[in-house]
Amino acid sequence: MKFLKHDIPALDRNMDNFVRQGYFGGATDHYQLYGENLFYYDINSLYPFAMLKDMPVVPAGFQNHISQEDLVRGNFFGFCLANIECPKDIAIPLLPHRDYQGGKVYYPTGK
């Protein structure tokens, strides 16, 4: 703890539950690998590196509307509850969804 420059603030229970809904374990895929004259890179210590980056820990309140312009320009820094539409013909859906009753994580398409 002596390396910290300031105290780490704690979120209240409601905010903590909201933020945790967006955390998922890493998705894994298997691909048949083939290539010629390739370079392979491995990333070590990515977790400590990420921990040095800013996190939105001071609740600024809830916003009812965040414009696409704010997201594109990088004016927004925080967590969002959003309605997302993923194309139905996408080969590998990107956003996970947890089925809280079954405990499984899915990568759905559509809304």
PDB file of N, CA and C in Angstrom:
ATOM      1  N   MET A   1       0.815  -1.209   0.000  1.00  0.00           N
ATOM      2  CA  MET A   1       0.000   0.000   0.000  1.00  0.00           C
ATOM      3  C   MET A   1       0.847   1.256   0.000  1.00  0.00           C
ATOM      4  N   LYS A   2       2.112   1.155   0.262  1.00  0.00           N
ATOM      5  CA  LYS A   2       2.947   2.342   0.358  1.00  0.00           C
ATOM      6  C   LYS A   2       3.213   2.980  -0.996  1.00  0.00           C
ATOM      7  N   PHE A   3       2.937   2.261  -2.093  1.00  0.00           N
ATOM      8  CA  PHE A   3       3.160   2.839  -3.409  1.00  0.00           C
ATOM      9  C   PHE A   3       1.986   3.690  -3.877  1.00  0.00           C
ATOM     10  N   LEU A   4       0.837   3.601  -3.196  1.00  0.00           N
ATOM     11  CA  LEU A   4      -0.339   4.364  -3.607  1.00  0.00           C
ATOM     12  C   LEU A   4      -0.148   5.841  -3.304  1.00  0.00           C
ATOM     13  N   LYS A   5      -0.564   6.681  -4.248  1.00  0.00           N
ATOM     14  CA  LYS A   5      -0.454   8.122  -4.057  1.00  0.00           C
ATOM     15  C   LYS A   5      -1.668   8.701  -3.343  1.00  0.00           C
ATOM     16  N   HIS A   6      -2.760   7.913  -3.298  1.00  0.00           N
ATOM     17  CA  HIS A   6      -3.986   8.362  -2.640  1.00  0.00           C
ATOM     18  C   HIS A   6      -4.790   7.132  -2.247  1.00  0.00           C
ATOM     19  N   ASP A   7      -5.789   7.345  -1.417  1.00  0.00           N
ATOM     20  CA  ASP A   7      -6.650   6.234  -1.006  1.00  0.00           C
ATOM     21  C   ASP A   7      -7.513   5.787  -2.175  1.00  0.00           C
ATOM     22  N   ILE A   8      -7.865   4.521  -2.169  1.00  0.00           N
ATOM     23  CA  ILE A   8      -8.760   3.983  -3.195  1.00  0.00           C
ATOM     24  C   ILE A   8     -10.187   4.113  -2.681  1.00  0.00           C
ATOM     25  N   PRO A   9     -11.028   4.898  -3.342  1.00  0.00           N
ATOM     26  CA  PRO A   9     -12.409   5.044  -2.870  1.00  0.00           C
ATOM     27  C   PRO A   9     -13.205   3.771  -3.112  1.00  0.00           C
ATOM     28  N   ALA A  10     -14.188   3.536  -2.267  1.00  0.00           N
ATOM     29  CA  ALA A  10     -15.046   2.361  -2.401  1.00  0.00           C
ATOM     30  C   ALA A  10     -16.412   2.800  -2.914  1.00  0.00           C
ATOM     31  N   LEU A  11     -16.993   1.977  -3.780  1.00  0.00           N
ATOM     32  CA  LEU A  11     -18.335   2.243  -4.286  1.00  0.00           C
ATOM     33  C   LEU A  11     -19.363   1.734  -3.289  1.00  0.00           C
ATOM     34  N   ASP A  12     -20.533   2.382  -3.246  1.00  0.00           N
ATOM     35  CA  ASP A  12     -21.588   1.852  -2.397  1.00  0.00           C
ATOM     36  C   ASP A  12     -22.135   0.568  -3.041  1.00  0.00           C
ATOM     37  N   ARG A  13     -22.927  -0.175  -2.325  1.00  0.00           N
ATOM     38  CA  ARG A  13     -23.382  -1.500  -2.765  1.00  0.00           C
ATOM     39  C   ARG A  13     -24.132  -1.454  -4.096  1.00  0.00           C
ATOM     40  N   ASN A  14     -25.027  -0.490  -4.276  1.00  0.00           N
ATOM     41  CA  ASN A  14     -25.802  -0.407  -5.525  1.00  0.00           C
ATOM     42  C   ASN A  14     -24.902  -0.121  -6.719  1.00  0.00           C
ATOM     43  N   MET A  15     -24.007   0.827  -6.572  1.00  0.00           N
ATOM     44  CA  MET A  15     -23.098   1.173  -7.661  1.00  0.00           C
ATOM     45  C   MET A  15     -22.157   0.005  -7.953  1.00  0.00           C
ATOM     46  N   ASP A  16     -21.670  -0.659  -6.915  1.00  0.00           N
ATOM     47  CA  ASP A  16     -20.786  -1.802  -7.095  1.00  0.00           C
ATOM     48  C   ASP A  16     -21.495  -2.925  -7.847  1.00  0.00           C
ATOM     49  N   ASN A  17     -22.729  -3.218  -7.486  1.00  0.00           N
ATOM     50  CA  ASN A  17     -23.499  -4.264  -8.192  1.00  0.00           C
ATOM     51  C   ASN A  17     -23.705  -3.896  -9.652  1.00  0.00           C
ATOM     52  N   PHE A  18     -23.988  -2.631  -9.924  1.00  0.00           N
ATOM     53  CA  PHE A  18     -24.184  -2.173 -11.300  1.00  0.00           C
ATOM     54  C   PHE A  18     -22.910  -2.366 -12.123  1.00  0.00           C
ATOM     55  N   VAL A  19     -21.779  -1.956 -11.570  1.00  0.00           N
ATOM     56  CA  VAL A  19     -20.506  -2.048 -12.290  1.00  0.00           C
ATOM     57  C   VAL A  19     -20.119  -3.504 -12.513  1.00  0.00           C
ATOM     58  N   ARG A  20     -20.340  -4.364 -11.537  1.00  0.00           N
ATOM     59  CA  ARG A  20     -19.949  -5.772 -11.658  1.00  0.00           C
ATOM     60  C   ARG A  20     -20.734  -6.514 -12.727  1.00  0.00           C
ATOM     61  N   GLN A  21     -21.902  -6.031 -13.093  1.00  0.00           N
ATOM     62  CA  GLN A  21     -22.668  -6.680 -14.155  1.00  0.00           C
ATOM     63  C   GLN A  21     -21.938  -6.624 -15.493  1.00  0.00           C
ATOM     64  N   GLY A  22     -21.023  -5.682 -15.645  1.00  0.00           N
ATOM     65  CA  GLY A  22     -20.293  -5.533 -16.892  1.00  0.00           C
ATOM     66  C   GLY A  22     -18.979  -6.292 -16.945  1.00  0.00           C
ATOM     67  N   TYR A  23     -18.638  -7.017 -15.895  1.00  0.00           N
ATOM     68  CA  TYR A  23     -17.375  -7.748 -15.881  1.00  0.00           C
ATOM     69  C   TYR A  23     -17.609  -9.208 -16.260  1.00  0.00           C
ATOM     70  N   PHE A  24     -16.809  -9.679 -17.186  1.00  0.00           N
ATOM     71  CA  PHE A  24     -16.892 -11.058 -17.655  1.00  0.00           C
ATOM     72  C   PHE A  24     -15.481 -11.610 -17.761  1.00  0.00           C
ATOM     73  N   GLY A  25     -15.380 -12.922 -17.654  1.00  0.00           N
ATOM     74  CA  GLY A  25     -14.091 -13.561 -17.917  1.00  0.00           C
ATOM     75  C   GLY A  25     -13.792 -13.484 -19.404  1.00  0.00           C
ATOM     76  N   GLY A  26     -12.585 -13.771 -19.763  1.00  0.00           N
ATOM     77  CA  GLY A  26     -12.179 -13.698 -21.164  1.00  0.00           C
ATOM     78  C   GLY A  26     -12.841 -14.776 -22.007  1.00  0.00           C
ATOM     79  N   ALA A  27     -13.237 -14.414 -23.202  1.00  0.00           N
ATOM     80  CA  ALA A  27     -13.795 -15.378 -24.155  1.00  0.00           C
ATOM     81  C   ALA A  27     -12.638 -16.125 -24.811  1.00  0.00           C
ATOM     82  N   THR A  28     -12.861 -17.377 -25.085  1.00  0.00           N
ATOM     83  CA  THR A  28     -11.820 -18.158 -25.754  1.00  0.00           C
ATOM     84  C   THR A  28     -12.364 -18.709 -27.062  1.00  0.00           C
ATOM     85  N   ASP A  29     -11.541 -18.720 -28.056  1.00  0.00           N
ATOM     86  CA  ASP A  29     -11.872 -19.271 -29.366  1.00  0.00           C
ATOM     87  C   ASP A  29     -10.720 -20.138 -29.817  1.00  0.00           C
ATOM     88  N   HIS A  30     -11.009 -21.041 -30.707  1.00  0.00           N
ATOM     89  CA  HIS A  30      -9.972 -21.898 -31.272  1.00  0.00           C
ATOM     90  C   HIS A  30      -9.929 -21.667 -32.773  1.00  0.00           C
ATOM     91  N   TYR A  31      -8.748 -21.446 -33.297  1.00  0.00           N
ATOM     92  CA  TYR A  31      -8.567 -21.230 -34.723  1.00  0.00           C
ATOM     93  C   TYR A  31      -7.495 -22.180 -35.231  1.00  0.00           C
ATOM     94  N   GLN A  32      -7.653 -22.625 -36.446  1.00  0.00           N
ATOM     95  CA  GLN A  32      -6.609 -23.399 -37.095  1.00  0.00           C
ATOM     96  C   GLN A  32      -5.549 -22.408 -37.557  1.00  0.00           C
ATOM     97  N   LEU A  33      -4.380 -22.480 -36.958  1.00  0.00           N
ATOM     98  CA  LEU A  33      -3.339 -21.506 -37.247  1.00  0.00           C
ATOM     99  C   LEU A  33      -2.457 -21.957 -38.402  1.00  0.00           C
ATOM    100  N   TYR A  34      -2.194 -21.032 -39.287  1.00  0.00           N
ATOM    101  CA  TYR A  34      -1.247 -21.274 -40.371  1.00  0.00           C
ATOM    102  C   TYR A  34      -0.712 -19.934 -40.830  1.00  0.00           C
ATOM    103  N   GLY A  35       0.541 -19.881 -41.131  1.00  0.00           N
ATOM    104  CA  GLY A  35       1.117 -18.662 -41.661  1.00  0.00           C
ATOM    105  C   GLY A  35       2.576 -18.872 -41.996  1.00  0.00           C
ATOM    106  N   GLU A  36       3.090 -17.988 -42.780  1.00  0.00           N
ATOM    107  CA  GLU A  36       4.499 -18.019 -43.144  1.00  0.00           C
ATOM    108  C   GLU A  36       5.108 -16.656 -42.822  1.00  0.00           C
ATOM    109  N   ASN A  37       6.353 -16.682 -42.359  1.00  0.00           N
ATOM    110  CA  ASN A  37       7.063 -15.452 -41.987  1.00  0.00           C
ATOM    111  C   ASN A  37       6.267 -14.620 -40.981  1.00  0.00           C
ATOM    112  N   LEU A  38       5.791 -15.256 -39.932  1.00  0.00           N
ATOM    113  CA  LEU A  38       4.981 -14.583 -38.915  1.00  0.00           C
ATOM    114  C   LEU A  38       5.826 -14.206 -37.703  1.00  0.00           C
ATOM    115  N   PHE A  39       5.363 -13.222 -36.969  1.00  0.00           N
ATOM    116  CA  PHE A  39       5.940 -12.847 -35.693  1.00  0.00           C
ATOM    117  C   PHE A  39       4.882 -13.112 -34.627  1.00  0.00           C
ATOM    118  N   TYR A  40       5.272 -13.741 -33.533  1.00  0.00           N
ATOM    119  CA  TYR A  40       4.358 -14.015 -32.439  1.00  0.00           C
ATOM    120  C   TYR A  40       4.736 -13.122 -31.271  1.00  0.00           C
ATOM    121  N   TYR A  41       3.747 -12.512 -30.651  1.00  0.00           N
ATOM    122  CA  TYR A  41       3.979 -11.627 -29.521  1.00  0.00           C
ATOM    123  C   TYR A  41       3.205 -12.139 -28.322  1.00  0.00           C
ATOM    124  N   ASP A  42       3.806 -12.044 -27.161  1.00  0.00           N
ATOM    125  CA  ASP A  42       3.164 -12.416 -25.919  1.00  0.00           C
ATOM    126  C   ASP A  42       3.201 -11.188 -25.011  1.00  0.00           C
ATOM    127  N   ILE A  43       2.104 -10.948 -24.329  1.00  0.00           N
ATOM    128  CA  ILE A  43       2.032  -9.792 -23.436  1.00  0.00           C
ATOM    129  C   ILE A  43       2.145 -10.294 -22.002  1.00  0.00           C
ATOM    130  N   ASN A  44       3.170  -9.857 -21.314  1.00  0.00           N
ATOM    131  CA  ASN A  44       3.360 -10.208 -19.905  1.00  0.00           C
ATOM    132  C   ASN A  44       2.969  -9.025 -19.040  1.00  0.00           C
ATOM    133  N   SER A  45       2.459  -9.335 -17.879  1.00  0.00           N
ATOM    134  CA  SER A  45       2.133  -8.322 -16.870  1.00  0.00           C
ATOM    135  C   SER A  45       1.106  -7.316 -17.364  1.00  0.00           C
ATOM    136  N   LEU A  46       0.108  -7.774 -18.118  1.00  0.00           N
ATOM    137  CA  LEU A  46      -0.922  -6.863 -18.607  1.00  0.00           C
ATOM    138  C   LEU A  46      -1.823  -6.387 -17.463  1.00  0.00           C
ATOM    139  N   TYR A  47      -2.073  -7.248 -16.480  1.00  0.00           N
ATOM    140  CA  TYR A  47      -2.921  -6.851 -15.360  1.00  0.00           C
ATOM    141  C   TYR A  47      -2.310  -5.696 -14.561  1.00  0.00           C
ATOM    142  N   PRO A  48      -1.042  -5.781 -14.137  1.00  0.00           N
ATOM    143  CA  PRO A  48      -0.465  -4.630 -13.422  1.00  0.00           C
ATOM    144  C   PRO A  48      -0.436  -3.368 -14.281  1.00  0.00           C
ATOM    145  N   PHE A  49      -0.200  -3.527 -15.567  1.00  0.00           N
ATOM    146  CA  PHE A  49      -0.206  -2.375 -16.461  1.00  0.00           C
ATOM    147  C   PHE A  49      -1.588  -1.715 -16.470  1.00  0.00           C
ATOM    148  N   ALA A  50      -2.645  -2.535 -16.561  1.00  0.00           N
ATOM    149  CA  ALA A  50      -4.007  -2.007 -16.576  1.00  0.00           C
ATOM    150  C   ALA A  50      -4.356  -1.337 -15.250  1.00  0.00           C
ATOM    151  N   MET A  51      -3.816  -1.838 -14.155  1.00  0.00           N
ATOM    152  CA  MET A  51      -4.114  -1.272 -12.848  1.00  0.00           C
ATOM    153  C   MET A  51      -3.522   0.123 -12.673  1.00  0.00           C
ATOM    154  N   LEU A  52      -2.568   0.496 -13.502  1.00  0.00           N
ATOM    155  CA  LEU A  52      -1.991   1.836 -13.430  1.00  0.00           C
ATOM    156  C   LEU A  52      -2.853   2.871 -14.153  1.00  0.00           C
ATOM    157  N   LYS A  53      -3.812   2.408 -14.953  1.00  0.00           N
ATOM    158  CA  LYS A  53      -4.679   3.312 -15.713  1.00  0.00           C
ATOM    159  C   LYS A  53      -5.827   3.795 -14.835  1.00  0.00           C
ATOM    160  N   ASP A  54      -6.388   4.940 -15.199  1.00  0.00           N
ATOM    161  CA  ASP A  54      -7.516   5.501 -14.451  1.00  0.00           C
ATOM    162  C   ASP A  54      -8.732   4.599 -14.536  1.00  0.00           C
ATOM    163  N   MET A  55      -9.513   4.602 -13.461  1.00  0.00           N
ATOM    164  CA  MET A  55     -10.800   3.916 -13.415  1.00  0.00           C
ATOM    165  C   MET A  55     -11.818   4.910 -12.878  1.00  0.00           C
ATOM    166  N   PRO A  56     -13.027   4.868 -13.392  1.00  0.00           N
ATOM    167  CA  PRO A  56     -14.070   5.781 -12.879  1.00  0.00           C
ATOM    168  C   PRO A  56     -14.592   5.275 -11.542  1.00  0.00           C
ATOM    169  N   VAL A  57     -14.021   5.779 -10.445  1.00  0.00           N
ATOM    170  CA  VAL A  57     -14.405   5.290  -9.127  1.00  0.00           C
ATOM    171  C   VAL A  57     -15.220   6.296  -8.320  1.00  0.00           C
ATOM    172  N   VAL A  58     -15.183   7.547  -8.683  1.00  0.00           N
ATOM    173  CA  VAL A  58     -15.962   8.546  -7.959  1.00  0.00           C
ATOM    174  C   VAL A  58     -17.291   8.704  -8.682  1.00  0.00           C
ATOM    175  N   PRO A  59     -18.394   8.250  -8.075  1.00  0.00           N
ATOM    176  CA  PRO A  59     -19.686   8.330  -8.756  1.00  0.00           C
ATOM    177  C   PRO A  59     -20.056   9.766  -9.095  1.00  0.00           C
ATOM    178  N   ALA A  60     -20.279  10.005 -10.367  1.00  0.00           N
ATOM    179  CA  ALA A  60     -20.669  11.336 -10.828  1.00  0.00           C
ATOM    180  C   ALA A  60     -22.171  11.419 -11.005  1.00  0.00           C
ATOM    181  N   GLY A  61     -22.870  10.358 -10.687  1.00  0.00           N
ATOM    182  CA  GLY A  61     -24.309  10.333 -10.858  1.00  0.00           C
ATOM    183  C   GLY A  61     -24.694   9.653 -12.151  1.00  0.00           C
ATOM    184  N   PHE A  62     -25.978   9.518 -12.349  1.00  0.00           N
ATOM    185  CA  PHE A  62     -26.482   8.858 -13.536  1.00  0.00           C
ATOM    186  C   PHE A  62     -26.882   9.886 -14.581  1.00  0.00           C
ATOM    187  N   GLN A  63     -26.534   9.605 -15.820  1.00  0.00           N
ATOM    188  CA  GLN A  63     -26.912  10.452 -16.947  1.00  0.00           C
ATOM    189  C   GLN A  63     -28.026   9.742 -17.717  1.00  0.00           C
ATOM    190  N   ASN A  64     -29.072  10.454 -18.047  1.00  0.00           N
ATOM    191  CA  ASN A  64     -30.168   9.847 -18.808  1.00  0.00           C
ATOM    192  C   ASN A  64     -29.877   9.777 -20.296  1.00  0.00           C
ATOM    193  N   HIS A  65     -28.943  10.597 -20.772  1.00  0.00           N
ATOM    194  CA  HIS A  65     -28.652  10.608 -22.211  1.00  0.00           C
ATOM    195  C   HIS A  65     -27.174  10.919 -22.425  1.00  0.00           C
ATOM    196  N   ILE A  66     -26.522  10.055 -23.176  1.00  0.00           N
ATOM    197  CA  ILE A  66     -25.139  10.283 -23.584  1.00  0.00           C
ATOM    198  C   ILE A  66     -25.145  10.242 -25.098  1.00  0.00           C
ATOM    199  N   SER A  67     -24.680  11.308 -25.721  1.00  0.00           N
ATOM    200  CA  SER A  67     -24.741  11.379 -27.183  1.00  0.00           C
ATOM    201  C   SER A  67     -23.637  10.537 -27.815  1.00  0.00           C
ATOM    202  N   GLN A  68     -23.867  10.139 -29.052  1.00  0.00           N
ATOM    203  CA  GLN A  68     -22.861   9.402 -29.802  1.00  0.00           C
ATOM    204  C   GLN A  68     -21.607  10.264 -29.968  1.00  0.00           C
ATOM    205  N   GLU A  69     -21.809  11.564 -30.082  1.00  0.00           N
ATOM    206  CA  GLU A  69     -20.686  12.496 -30.216  1.00  0.00           C
ATOM    207  C   GLU A  69     -19.791  12.450 -28.978  1.00  0.00           C
ATOM    208  N   ASP A  70     -20.403  12.368 -27.778  1.00  0.00           N
ATOM    209  CA  ASP A  70     -19.618  12.267 -26.550  1.00  0.00           C
ATOM    210  C   ASP A  70     -18.773  11.003 -26.548  1.00  0.00           C
ATOM    211  N   LEU A  71     -19.346   9.915 -27.036  1.00  0.00           N
ATOM    212  CA  LEU A  71     -18.610   8.649 -27.064  1.00  0.00           C
ATOM    213  C   LEU A  71     -17.484   8.683 -28.085  1.00  0.00           C
ATOM    214  N   VAL A  72     -17.751   9.241 -29.256  1.00  0.00           N
ATOM    215  CA  VAL A  72     -16.748   9.284 -30.324  1.00  0.00           C
ATOM    216  C   VAL A  72     -15.593  10.201 -29.938  1.00  0.00           C
ATOM    217  N   ARG A  73     -15.894  11.342 -29.361  1.00  0.00           N
ATOM    218  CA  ARG A  73     -14.850  12.309 -28.984  1.00  0.00           C
ATOM    219  C   ARG A  73     -14.125  11.942 -27.703  1.00  0.00           C
ATOM    220  N   GLY A  74     -14.624  10.938 -26.997  1.00  0.00           N
ATOM    221  CA  GLY A  74     -13.973  10.539 -25.757  1.00  0.00           C
ATOM    222  C   GLY A  74     -14.324  11.434 -24.586  1.00  0.00           C
ATOM    223  N   ASN A  75     -15.461  12.133 -24.645  1.00  0.00           N
ATOM    224  CA  ASN A  75     -15.871  13.013 -23.557  1.00  0.00           C
ATOM    225  C   ASN A  75     -16.513  12.255 -22.400  1.00  0.00           C
ATOM    226  N   PHE A  76     -16.807  10.985 -22.595  1.00  0.00           N
ATOM    227  CA  PHE A  76     -17.447  10.185 -21.556  1.00  0.00           C
ATOM    228  C   PHE A  76     -16.436   9.227 -20.958  1.00  0.00           C
ATOM    229  N   PHE A  77     -16.392   9.160 -19.632  1.00  0.00           N
ATOM    230  CA  PHE A  77     -15.510   8.230 -18.936  1.00  0.00           C
ATOM    231  C   PHE A  77     -16.305   7.624 -17.791  1.00  0.00           C
ATOM    232  N   GLY A  78     -16.725   6.381 -17.944  1.00  0.00           N
ATOM    233  CA  GLY A  78     -17.518   5.751 -16.903  1.00  0.00           C
ATOM    234  C   GLY A  78     -18.131   4.462 -17.388  1.00  0.00           C
ATOM    235  N   PHE A  79     -19.188   4.047 -16.723  1.00  0.00           N
ATOM    236  CA  PHE A  79     -19.895   2.822 -17.043  1.00  0.00           C
ATOM    237  C   PHE A  79     -21.277   3.169 -17.560  1.00  0.00           C
ATOM    238  N   CYS A  80     -21.777   2.396 -18.532  1.00  0.00           N
ATOM    239  CA  CYS A  80     -23.075   2.660 -19.150  1.00  0.00           C
ATOM    240  C   CYS A  80     -23.967   1.437 -19.096  1.00  0.00           C
ATOM    241  N   LEU A  81     -25.233   1.684 -18.945  1.00  0.00           N
ATOM    242  CA  LEU A  81     -26.258   0.677 -19.191  1.00  0.00           C
ATOM    243  C   LEU A  81     -26.858   1.085 -20.522  1.00  0.00           C
ATOM    244  N   ALA A  82     -26.659   0.255 -21.544  1.00  0.00           N
ATOM    245  CA  ALA A  82     -27.018   0.662 -22.901  1.00  0.00           C
ATOM    246  C   ALA A  82     -27.816  -0.415 -23.607  1.00  0.00           C
ATOM    247  N   ASN A  83     -28.651   0.007 -24.534  1.00  0.00           N
ATOM    248  CA  ASN A  83     -29.333  -0.906 -25.439  1.00  0.00           C
ATOM    249  C   ASN A  83     -28.460  -1.041 -26.679  1.00  0.00           C
ATOM    250  N   ILE A  84     -28.058  -2.264 -26.989  1.00  0.00           N
ATOM    251  CA  ILE A  84     -27.134  -2.523 -28.081  1.00  0.00           C
ATOM    252  C   ILE A  84     -27.809  -3.407 -29.113  1.00  0.00           C
ATOM    253  N   GLU A  85     -27.553  -3.126 -30.383  1.00  0.00           N
ATOM    254  CA  GLU A  85     -28.027  -3.997 -31.450  1.00  0.00           C
ATOM    255  C   GLU A  85     -26.816  -4.535 -32.204  1.00  0.00           C
ATOM    256  N   CYS A  86     -26.674  -5.848 -32.185  1.00  0.00           N
ATOM    257  CA  CYS A  86     -25.574  -6.525 -32.855  1.00  0.00           C
ATOM    258  C   CYS A  86     -26.119  -7.134 -34.154  1.00  0.00           C
ATOM    259  N   PRO A  87     -25.452  -6.940 -35.282  1.00  0.00           N
ATOM    260  CA  PRO A  87     -25.954  -7.490 -36.545  1.00  0.00           C
ATOM    261  C   PRO A  87     -26.162  -9.000 -36.452  1.00  0.00           C
ATOM    262  N   LYS A  88     -27.263  -9.480 -37.013  1.00  0.00           N
ATOM    263  CA  LYS A  88     -27.572 -10.907 -36.947  1.00  0.00           C
ATOM    264  C   LYS A  88     -26.638 -11.755 -37.802  1.00  0.00           C
ATOM    265  N   ASP A  89     -25.985 -11.143 -38.797  1.00  0.00           N
ATOM    266  CA  ASP A  89     -25.119 -11.913 -39.690  1.00  0.00           C
ATOM    267  C   ASP A  89     -23.639 -11.817 -39.316  1.00  0.00           C
ATOM    268  N   ILE A  90     -23.323 -11.288 -38.150  1.00  0.00           N
ATOM    269  CA  ILE A  90     -21.926 -11.167 -37.736  1.00  0.00           C
ATOM    270  C   ILE A  90     -21.373 -12.561 -37.405  1.00  0.00           C
ATOM    271  N   ALA A  91     -20.142 -12.828 -37.800  1.00  0.00           N
ATOM    272  CA  ALA A  91     -19.553 -14.153 -37.599  1.00  0.00           C
ATOM    273  C   ALA A  91     -19.228 -14.417 -36.129  1.00  0.00           C
ATOM    274  N   ILE A  92     -18.666 -13.441 -35.449  1.00  0.00           N
ATOM    275  CA  ILE A  92     -18.290 -13.605 -34.042  1.00  0.00           C
ATOM    276  C   ILE A  92     -18.862 -12.423 -33.259  1.00  0.00           C
ATOM    277  N   PRO A  93     -20.000 -12.607 -32.584  1.00  0.00           N
ATOM    278  CA  PRO A  93     -20.577 -11.514 -31.791  1.00  0.00           C
ATOM    279  C   PRO A  93     -19.600 -11.052 -30.710  1.00  0.00           C
ATOM    280  N   LEU A  94     -19.640  -9.757 -30.409  1.00  0.00           N
ATOM    281  CA  LEU A  94     -18.625  -9.156 -29.551  1.00  0.00           C
ATOM    282  C   LEU A  94     -19.019  -8.988 -28.089  1.00  0.00           C
ATOM    283  N   LEU A  95     -20.286  -8.721 -27.824  1.00  0.00           N
ATOM    284  CA  LEU A  95     -20.675  -8.352 -26.465  1.00  0.00           C
ATOM    285  C   LEU A  95     -21.300  -9.520 -25.711  1.00  0.00           C
ATOM    286  N   PRO A  96     -20.790  -9.823 -24.509  1.00  0.00           N
ATOM    287  CA  PRO A  96     -21.345 -10.934 -23.736  1.00  0.00           C
ATOM    288  C   PRO A  96     -22.617 -10.540 -23.002  1.00  0.00           C
ATOM    289  N   HIS A  97     -23.416 -11.549 -22.710  1.00  0.00           N
ATOM    290  CA  HIS A  97     -24.639 -11.380 -21.911  1.00  0.00           C
ATOM    291  C   HIS A  97     -24.713 -12.556 -20.951  1.00  0.00           C
ATOM    292  N   ARG A  98     -24.897 -12.270 -19.671  1.00  0.00           N
ATOM    293  CA  ARG A  98     -24.962 -13.336 -18.671  1.00  0.00           C
ATOM    294  C   ARG A  98     -26.410 -13.692 -18.372  1.00  0.00           C
ATOM    295  N   ASP A  99     -26.700 -14.977 -18.446  1.00  0.00           N
ATOM    296  CA  ASP A  99     -27.997 -15.501 -18.028  1.00  0.00           C
ATOM    297  C   ASP A  99     -27.883 -15.763 -16.529  1.00  0.00           C
ATOM    298  N   TYR A 100     -28.451 -14.882 -15.719  1.00  0.00           N
ATOM    299  CA  TYR A 100     -28.263 -14.975 -14.276  1.00  0.00           C
ATOM    300  C   TYR A 100     -28.940 -16.193 -13.676  1.00  0.00           C
ATOM    301  N   GLN A 101     -29.981 -16.716 -14.317  1.00  0.00           N
ATOM    302  CA  GLN A 101     -30.646 -17.896 -13.769  1.00  0.00           C
ATOM    303  C   GLN A 101     -29.843 -19.157 -14.065  1.00  0.00           C
ATOM    304  N   GLY A 102     -29.275 -19.247 -15.271  1.00  0.00           N
ATOM    305  CA  GLY A 102     -28.496 -20.425 -15.630  1.00  0.00           C
ATOM    306  C   GLY A 102     -27.016 -20.265 -15.364  1.00  0.00           C
ATOM    307  N   GLY A 103     -26.563 -19.018 -15.182  1.00  0.00           N
ATOM    308  CA  GLY A 103     -25.172 -18.766 -14.890  1.00  0.00           C
ATOM    309  C   GLY A 103     -24.251 -18.825 -16.105  1.00  0.00           C
ATOM    310  N   LYS A 104     -24.806 -18.983 -17.302  1.00  0.00           N
ATOM    311  CA  LYS A 104     -23.974 -19.083 -18.491  1.00  0.00           C
ATOM    312  C   LYS A 104     -23.823 -17.717 -19.159  1.00  0.00           C
ATOM    313  N   VAL A 105     -22.758 -17.594 -19.925  1.00  0.00           N
ATOM    314  CA  VAL A 105     -22.496 -16.369 -20.681  1.00  0.00           C
ATOM    315  C   VAL A 105     -22.684 -16.668 -22.162  1.00  0.00           C
ATOM    316  N   TYR A 106     -23.472 -15.823 -22.824  1.00  0.00           N
ATOM    317  CA  TYR A 106     -23.759 -15.969 -24.243  1.00  0.00           C
ATOM    318  C   TYR A 106     -23.247 -14.737 -24.996  1.00  0.00           C
ATOM    319  N   TYR A 107     -23.043 -14.895 -26.276  1.00  0.00           N
ATOM    320  CA  TYR A 107     -22.668 -13.792 -27.156  1.00  0.00           C
ATOM    321  C   TYR A 107     -23.763 -13.692 -28.221  1.00  0.00           C
ATOM    322  N   PRO A 108     -24.871 -13.050 -27.894  1.00  0.00           N
ATOM    323  CA  PRO A 108     -26.019 -13.048 -28.796  1.00  0.00           C
ATOM    324  C   PRO A 108     -25.912 -12.034 -29.929  1.00  0.00           C
ATOM    325  N   THR A 109     -26.778 -12.219 -30.913  1.00  0.00           N
ATOM    326  CA  THR A 109     -26.951 -11.228 -31.974  1.00  0.00           C
ATOM    327  C   THR A 109     -28.351 -10.624 -31.809  1.00  0.00           C
ATOM    328  N   GLY A 110     -28.620  -9.540 -32.502  1.00  0.00           N
ATOM    329  CA  GLY A 110     -29.904  -8.852 -32.389  1.00  0.00           C
ATOM    330  C   GLY A 110     -29.872  -7.846 -31.256  1.00  0.00           C
ATOM    331  N   LYS A 111     -31.064  -7.489 -30.750  1.00  0.00           N
ATOM    332  CA  LYS A 111     -31.153  -6.503 -29.668  1.00  0.00           C
ATOM    333  C   LYS A 111     -31.084  -7.174 -28.328  1.00  0.00           C
TER     334      LYS A 111
END
